[in-house]
Protein backbone atom coordinates (compact mmCIF):
# COMPACT_ATOMS: atom_id res chain seq x y z
CA MET A 1 14.27 -6.42 9.66
CA ILE A 2 11.19 -4.41 9.56
CA LEU A 3 8.18 -5.39 7.07
CA THR A 4 5.14 -3.65 6.12
CA ALA A 5 2.60 -3.94 3.19
CA ASP A 6 0.46 -1.81 1.27
CA LEU A 7 1.18 1.77 2.06
CA HIS A 8 -1.10 2.82 -0.48
CA ILE A 9 0.62 6.21 -0.64
CA THR A 10 -1.99 8.67 -2.74
CA ASP A 11 -2.42 12.26 -2.98
CA LYS A 12 -5.73 12.17 -3.00
CA LEU A 13 -7.83 14.46 -0.25
CA THR A 14 -10.29 12.58 2.14
CA GLN A 15 -12.54 15.21 4.04
CA GLY A 16 -10.56 18.21 2.35
CA ARG A 17 -7.26 16.92 3.87
CA PRO A 18 -4.45 15.37 1.77
CA ARG A 19 -3.22 11.64 2.48
CA LEU A 20 0.47 12.29 0.90
CA SER A 21 1.33 13.85 3.68
CA VAL A 22 -0.05 10.67 6.27
CA GLY A 23 1.62 8.39 3.94
CA LEU A 24 5.49 10.04 4.24
CA GLY A 25 4.69 10.42 8.06
CA VAL A 26 4.02 6.82 8.23
CA LEU A 27 7.44 6.36 5.92
CA GLN A 28 9.27 8.46 8.06
CA GLN A 29 8.15 6.32 11.62
CA ILE A 30 9.28 3.38 9.50
CA TYR A 31 12.80 4.84 8.82
CA VAL A 32 12.96 6.13 12.53
CA TYR A 33 12.43 1.99 13.69
CA ALA A 34 14.77 0.94 11.17
CA LYS A 35 17.17 3.12 12.14
CA ASN A 36 17.16 2.48 15.62
CA ASN A 37 17.15 -0.91 15.53
CA ASP A 38 19.94 -0.81 12.35
CA SER A 39 17.36 -2.88 10.69
CA VAL A 40 16.57 -2.74 6.51
CA VAL A 41 12.71 -2.43 6.13
CA PHE A 42 10.64 -4.51 3.37
CA ILE A 43 7.86 -3.09 1.95
CA LEU A 44 5.68 -6.24 0.26
CA GLY A 45 3.70 -4.59 -2.46
CA ASP A 46 1.30 -1.60 -3.07
CA LEU A 47 3.69 1.45 -2.29
CA PHE A 48 1.33 3.68 -4.65
CA ASP A 49 -2.63 3.34 -4.57
CA SER A 50 -3.79 4.22 -7.85
CA LYS A 51 -1.86 1.67 -10.62
CA ASN A 52 -1.40 3.80 -13.80
CA ARG A 53 -2.98 7.07 -11.74
CA ILE A 54 -0.17 8.12 -10.11
CA THR A 55 0.50 11.77 -9.81
CA PHE A 56 3.85 13.32 -10.05
CA ARG A 57 3.62 15.13 -6.92
CA THR A 58 3.07 11.64 -5.52
CA LEU A 59 6.36 10.26 -7.43
CA LEU A 60 8.84 13.05 -7.13
CA ALA A 61 7.64 13.58 -2.90
CA ILE A 62 8.06 9.71 -2.23
CA TYR A 63 11.65 9.22 -5.12
CA GLU A 64 12.78 12.38 -2.70
CA PHE A 65 12.19 10.40 1.11
CA PHE A 66 14.00 7.55 0.11
CA GLU A 67 16.64 9.72 -1.41
CA LYS A 68 17.18 11.19 1.94
CA HIS A 69 16.93 8.14 3.76
CA GLN A 70 19.77 6.15 1.94
CA ASP A 71 21.14 5.49 5.12
CA VAL A 72 18.37 2.61 5.69
CA LYS A 73 18.14 0.15 3.52
CA TRP A 74 14.79 -0.17 1.41
CA TYR A 75 13.23 -3.04 -0.61
CA LEU A 76 10.29 -2.79 -2.63
CA LEU A 77 8.19 -5.87 -3.81
CA ARG A 78 5.81 -5.03 -6.63
CA GLY A 79 2.58 -5.55 -5.79
CA ASN A 80 -0.75 -5.25 -8.13
CA HIS A 81 -0.97 -1.57 -7.53
CA CYS A 82 2.52 -1.29 -8.79
CA SER A 83 1.60 -3.32 -12.02
CA PRO A 84 -0.71 -1.07 -14.47
CA ASP A 85 -0.69 -3.84 -17.33
CA ARG A 86 -2.07 -7.36 -16.07
CA ALA A 87 -0.53 -8.77 -19.55
CA ASN A 88 2.74 -7.30 -18.65
CA PRO A 89 2.87 -7.08 -15.02
CA GLU A 90 6.92 -6.91 -14.29
CA GLU A 91 6.52 -3.45 -16.02
CA SER A 92 5.93 -1.57 -12.68
CA VAL A 93 6.62 2.65 -12.21
CA LEU A 94 8.74 1.07 -9.13
CA SER A 95 11.59 1.20 -11.63
CA LEU A 96 12.07 4.68 -11.02
CA PHE A 97 13.01 4.32 -7.47
CA ARG A 98 15.99 1.72 -8.57
CA HIS A 99 18.61 4.43 -8.39
CA VAL A 100 17.33 4.81 -4.49
CA CYS A 101 16.19 1.32 -3.65
CA THR A 102 16.34 -1.63 -4.20
CA VAL A 103 13.48 -2.80 -6.43
CA ILE A 104 11.79 -6.59 -7.07
CA ALA A 105 9.77 -6.82 -10.19
CA GLN A 106 10.48 -10.53 -11.02
CA PRO A 107 10.85 -13.42 -8.65
CA THR A 108 14.17 -13.60 -7.03
CA TYR A 109 15.72 -16.07 -4.15
CA ALA A 110 18.43 -15.11 -1.41
CA ASN A 111 19.65 -15.81 1.60
CA GLY A 112 17.05 -18.42 2.14
CA ILE A 113 13.92 -16.04 1.14
CA VAL A 114 11.97 -16.38 -1.84
CA TRP A 115 10.65 -12.72 -2.98
CA MET A 116 7.88 -13.83 -4.99
CA PRO A 117 5.48 -10.39 -6.79
CA TRP A 118 2.57 -10.25 -7.17
CA TYR A 119 1.19 -11.81 -10.93
CA PRO A 120 -2.35 -13.31 -11.71
CA ALA A 121 -2.80 -16.38 -10.18
CA LYS A 122 -1.63 -18.88 -12.93
CA MET A 123 1.12 -16.96 -13.59
CA TYR A 124 1.99 -16.84 -9.96
CA MET A 125 2.13 -20.69 -9.28
CA GLU A 126 4.39 -21.18 -12.80
CA LYS A 127 6.76 -18.85 -11.53
CA LEU A 128 6.73 -19.82 -7.92
CA LYS A 129 6.89 -23.72 -8.76
CA ALA A 130 10.00 -23.27 -10.94
CA ILE A 131 12.40 -21.13 -8.62
CA GLN A 132 14.85 -24.14 -7.10
CA LEU A 133 14.74 -24.13 -3.75
CA GLN A 134 17.78 -25.21 -1.55
CA GLY A 135 17.57 -26.28 1.98
CA LYS A 136 14.28 -26.45 4.19
CA THR A 137 14.66 -23.08 6.37
CA ASN A 138 13.41 -20.98 3.45
CA TYR A 139 11.09 -17.87 3.82
CA LEU A 140 8.29 -16.60 1.10
CA PHE A 141 7.78 -13.11 1.25
CA SER A 142 5.10 -12.17 -1.65
CA HIS A 143 2.10 -9.88 -2.44
CA ILE A 144 -1.38 -11.91 -3.55
CA GLY A 145 -4.69 -12.70 -2.19
CA LEU A 146 -5.10 -16.17 -0.80
CA LYS A 147 -8.46 -18.45 -0.39
CA GLY A 148 -10.18 -17.35 3.48
CA GLY A 149 -8.28 -14.56 3.78
CA ALA A 150 -10.25 -10.90 5.16
CA VAL A 151 -10.12 -7.71 3.20
CA SER A 152 -10.51 -5.70 6.23
CA GLN A 153 -12.82 -5.75 9.45
CA SER A 154 -15.76 -5.95 7.06
CA ASN A 155 -15.53 -9.56 6.77
CA TYR A 156 -15.24 -9.55 3.04
CA HIS A 157 -13.43 -12.32 1.30
CA PRO A 158 -12.18 -11.81 -2.17
CA PRO A 159 -12.41 -14.77 -4.56
CA SER A 160 -8.95 -15.93 -5.01
CA ASP A 161 -7.44 -19.67 -7.04
CA ILE A 162 -4.73 -19.72 -4.17
CA SER A 163 -4.97 -21.13 -1.19
CA ALA A 164 -2.29 -21.51 1.59
CA ASP A 165 -2.41 -24.91 1.54
CA GLU A 166 -1.11 -25.05 -2.05
CA LEU A 167 1.87 -22.88 -1.09
CA PHE A 168 2.78 -25.42 1.33
CA GLU A 169 2.63 -28.04 -0.98
CA ILE A 170 5.32 -26.13 -3.09
CA HIS A 171 7.65 -26.23 -0.36
CA PRO A 172 7.36 -26.54 3.61
CA TRP A 173 7.80 -22.79 4.29
CA GLN A 174 9.27 -21.63 7.19
CA MET A 175 7.04 -18.60 7.06
CA VAL A 176 5.15 -17.10 4.75
CA LEU A 177 4.55 -13.55 5.20
CA LEU A 178 2.23 -11.27 2.69
CA GLY A 179 0.95 -7.89 1.78
CA ASP A 180 -2.51 -7.43 -0.03
CA TYR A 181 -5.05 -7.55 2.84
CA HIS A 182 -5.15 -4.89 4.83
CA LEU A 183 -6.17 -6.41 8.01
CA ALA A 184 -3.38 -8.60 9.54
CA GLN A 185 -4.53 -12.13 9.90
CA GLN A 186 -3.20 -16.20 10.05
CA ILE A 187 -4.57 -17.89 7.00
CA GLY A 188 -5.65 -21.45 7.68
CA ASN A 189 -3.11 -23.60 10.23
CA LYS A 190 -0.14 -22.90 8.48
CA PRO A 191 2.44 -20.19 9.51
CA CYS A 192 1.08 -17.69 6.96
CA TYR A 193 0.46 -14.36 7.75
CA TYR A 194 -0.61 -11.10 6.13
CA LEU A 195 0.71 -8.18 7.17
CA GLY A 196 -2.19 -5.96 6.91
CA ALA A 197 -2.09 -2.21 5.95
CA PRO A 198 0.47 -0.25 9.03
CA MET A 199 -2.73 2.29 8.57
CA ALA A 200 -6.13 2.87 7.69
CA HIS A 201 -7.27 3.68 3.95
CA GLU A 202 -10.63 4.19 4.52
CA PHE A 203 -13.79 3.40 6.98
CA GLY A 204 -14.16 -0.11 7.94
CA GLU A 205 -10.30 -0.23 8.28
CA ILE A 206 -7.75 -0.47 11.39
CA GLY A 207 -3.83 0.24 11.13
CA CYS A 208 -1.94 -2.79 12.26
CA GLY A 209 1.29 -0.86 12.56
CA VAL A 210 4.61 -2.97 11.01
CA TRP A 211 6.27 -5.88 11.90
CA LYS A 212 9.83 -6.95 13.23
CA LEU A 213 11.08 -10.39 12.04
CA THR A 214 13.44 -11.03 14.63
CA GLU A 215 16.97 -13.85 14.09
CA THR A 216 14.15 -16.39 15.74
CA GLY A 217 11.80 -16.01 13.69
CA LEU A 218 9.04 -14.44 15.54
CA LEU A 219 7.07 -11.56 14.85
CA GLY A 220 6.57 -8.48 17.04
CA ASN A 221 4.58 -5.61 15.88
CA LEU A 222 5.00 -1.68 16.22
CA PRO A 223 2.36 0.77 16.45
CA ILE A 224 2.49 3.71 13.94
CA ARG A 225 0.67 6.60 14.44
CA ALA A 226 -1.74 7.81 11.78
CA PRO A 227 -5.35 9.18 11.16
CA ALA A 228 -7.84 6.77 12.44
CA PHE A 229 -11.12 6.08 10.95
CA LYS A 230 -13.88 6.39 13.35
CA SER A 231 -17.82 6.37 12.55
CA TRP A 232 -20.38 7.28 15.15
CA LYS A 233 -23.92 6.53 15.19
CA ILE A 234 -26.40 8.88 17.18
CA VAL A 235 -30.22 7.34 17.63
CA LYS A 236 -33.15 9.77 17.61
CA GLY A 237 -33.87 11.14 21.03
CA ALA A 238 -30.32 10.50 21.84
CA ARG A 239 -29.66 13.03 24.68
CA GLY A 240 -26.47 14.65 24.44
CA LEU A 241 -23.45 15.48 21.80
CA ASP A 242 -20.73 14.68 22.98
CA LEU A 243 -18.83 11.66 21.71
CA LEU A 244 -16.14 10.33 23.30
CA ASP A 245 -12.46 9.31 22.17
CA TYR A 246 -13.46 11.96 19.41
CA ASP A 247 -10.15 13.60 18.32
CA LYS A 248 -10.22 16.01 15.17
CA ALA A 249 -6.99 14.74 13.90
CA ASP A 250 -8.88 11.59 12.98
CA TYR A 251 -11.41 11.20 10.08
CA ASN A 252 -14.85 11.27 11.69
CA ARG A 253 -17.96 10.41 9.92
CA ILE A 254 -21.50 11.03 12.04
CA THR A 255 -24.80 9.20 11.23
CA ALA A 256 -27.34 11.76 13.10
CA PRO A 257 -31.05 12.41 12.70
CA VAL A 258 -31.19 15.36 10.32
CA GLU A 259 -32.51 17.96 13.13
CA VAL A 260 -29.58 17.59 15.26
CA HIS A 261 -27.19 18.03 12.09
CA GLU A 262 -26.66 21.63 12.78
CA ARG A 263 -25.41 21.38 16.32
CA PHE A 264 -22.88 18.56 15.11
CA LYS A 265 -21.67 20.84 12.65
CA GLU A 266 -21.06 23.63 15.15
CA GLN A 267 -19.43 21.15 17.28
CA TYR A 268 -17.61 19.14 15.16
CA PRO A 269 -17.38 20.98 12.13
CA ASP A 270 -14.62 18.87 10.84
CA ALA A 271 -16.74 15.49 10.86
CA GLU A 272 -18.38 14.29 7.78
CA LEU A 273 -21.82 14.18 8.34
CA LEU A 274 -24.93 11.85 7.05
CA SER A 275 -28.19 10.83 7.40
CA GLU A 276 -28.18 7.85 7.63
CA PRO A 277 -25.94 5.07 6.51
CA GLY A 278 -25.09 5.63 2.76
CA ALA A 279 -26.64 9.08 2.36
CA ARG A 280 -24.11 11.84 2.10
CA GLU A 281 -25.31 14.74 3.39
CA VAL A 282 -21.28 16.37 3.15
CA GLU A 283 -19.28 14.92 -0.03
CA THR A 284 -15.96 14.20 0.58
CA SER A 285 -13.18 16.85 -1.65
CA PRO A 286 -12.25 15.95 -5.18
CA VAL A 287 -9.15 14.08 -5.89
CA LEU A 288 -6.74 15.90 -7.17
CA LEU A 289 -5.02 14.82 -10.68
CA ASP A 290 -2.12 16.12 -12.80
CA ASP A 291 -2.39 15.64 -16.50
CA GLN A 292 -1.51 12.42 -17.07
CA ASP A 293 -0.13 12.93 -20.61
CA SER A 294 2.98 15.05 -18.86
CA LEU A 295 3.41 12.23 -16.08
CA PRO A 296 5.84 10.17 -17.57
CA VAL A 297 7.72 13.28 -19.39
CA LEU A 298 7.68 15.43 -15.67
CA MET A 299 9.62 12.97 -14.57
CA GLU A 300 12.28 11.86 -17.06
CA GLU A 301 12.88 15.07 -16.93
CA TYR A 302 13.16 15.22 -13.60
CA LEU A 303 15.62 12.31 -13.15
CA ARG A 304 17.34 13.65 -16.46
CA ILE A 305 18.47 16.78 -14.66
CA ARG A 306 19.43 14.80 -11.81
CA GLY A 307 21.81 12.40 -14.36
CA LEU A 308 20.14 9.41 -13.14
CA VAL A 309 19.44 8.79 -16.52
CA ALA A 310 20.14 8.71 -20.20
CA GLU A 311 17.91 10.30 -22.47
CA LYS A 312 14.43 8.05 -23.37
CA ASP A 313 16.21 5.56 -20.47
CA TRP A 314 12.82 6.12 -19.01
CA LEU A 315 10.33 4.78 -21.88
CA MET A 316 11.18 0.53 -20.69
CA PRO A 317 11.52 0.87 -16.71
CA LEU A 318 8.31 3.03 -16.22
CA GLY A 319 5.37 0.42 -17.22
CA LEU A 320 2.88 3.10 -17.16
CA SER A 321 0.32 2.24 -19.82
CA ILE A 322 0.24 6.02 -20.89
CA VAL A 323 4.01 5.07 -22.58
CA SER A 324 2.29 3.34 -25.55
CA LYS A 325 0.15 5.98 -26.27
CA LEU A 326 3.01 8.37 -26.22
CA LYS A 327 5.07 5.86 -28.62
CA LYS A 328 2.13 5.57 -30.94
CA GLU A 329 1.71 9.32 -31.01
CA ALA A 330 5.27 9.79 -31.63
CA VAL A 331 5.06 7.32 -35.00
CA GLU A 332 2.08 9.12 -35.99
CA ALA A 333 3.59 12.66 -35.86
């Protein structure tokens, strides 16, 4: 089986380039790996980036990708970015993909694997403890933040109410594989691992590839080709402007004295230039968003035309916050 997490697919722009094409490219590489190895694919949360700010353009592009690649079995676990309403986390935009993927929005136990989607910490532990496990060889596939985990190479450890030890007090897991933090890492001395994001999403992150879980339980890493985020710092008085390992296909940020900016702009026109850390000389392009009020209508109409949902069937599974607003407006009208 092929495992990954935290693709955070979006149609935002970074340095004027669309991120949606990067996400689709990563999915295509995962598909090729799975197809060549006769494997299934498990995405452990956060397929999308922006919670209830997902555009129709993004939804449609990803839906059609999965529709065209159904010769591989895809499993989508609900992450925190798939759940816009913390009070009702099981309502998720992933439900729209139930026709082309297996969507796991609730705790599920099958074939020795516990599929545990994201919940707020207290609810998460209550639901995990309620699962009736059989035997000792069980895996936990989940999306949750744990104490001691680092979000990225920045080594920032976000606060969390759950530790790896608490997970293993519930059950002596054969292995725990997690999504949420973007850096691949082991938590504590237990077989508890974050898969990491397959590609970098911003400066300070690295791509961690995708993982293959073999019958012997060993994890092997499969590299993913995607633009890297590279930062360069030029000290005042430095000789020469050649940057080793510079690739215009990557996202490049150069911090340099103002007096050499013009020369850098000429030599590296695709790079973002800063005069000092945090002081932007060149702004990144604005985010492109569809009219959010039209999003559920567009997606419902698309699926209705395809004959995949009955009229108004989209209201319950959609799980976007604006659905409530549309219902209220309909009643008031």
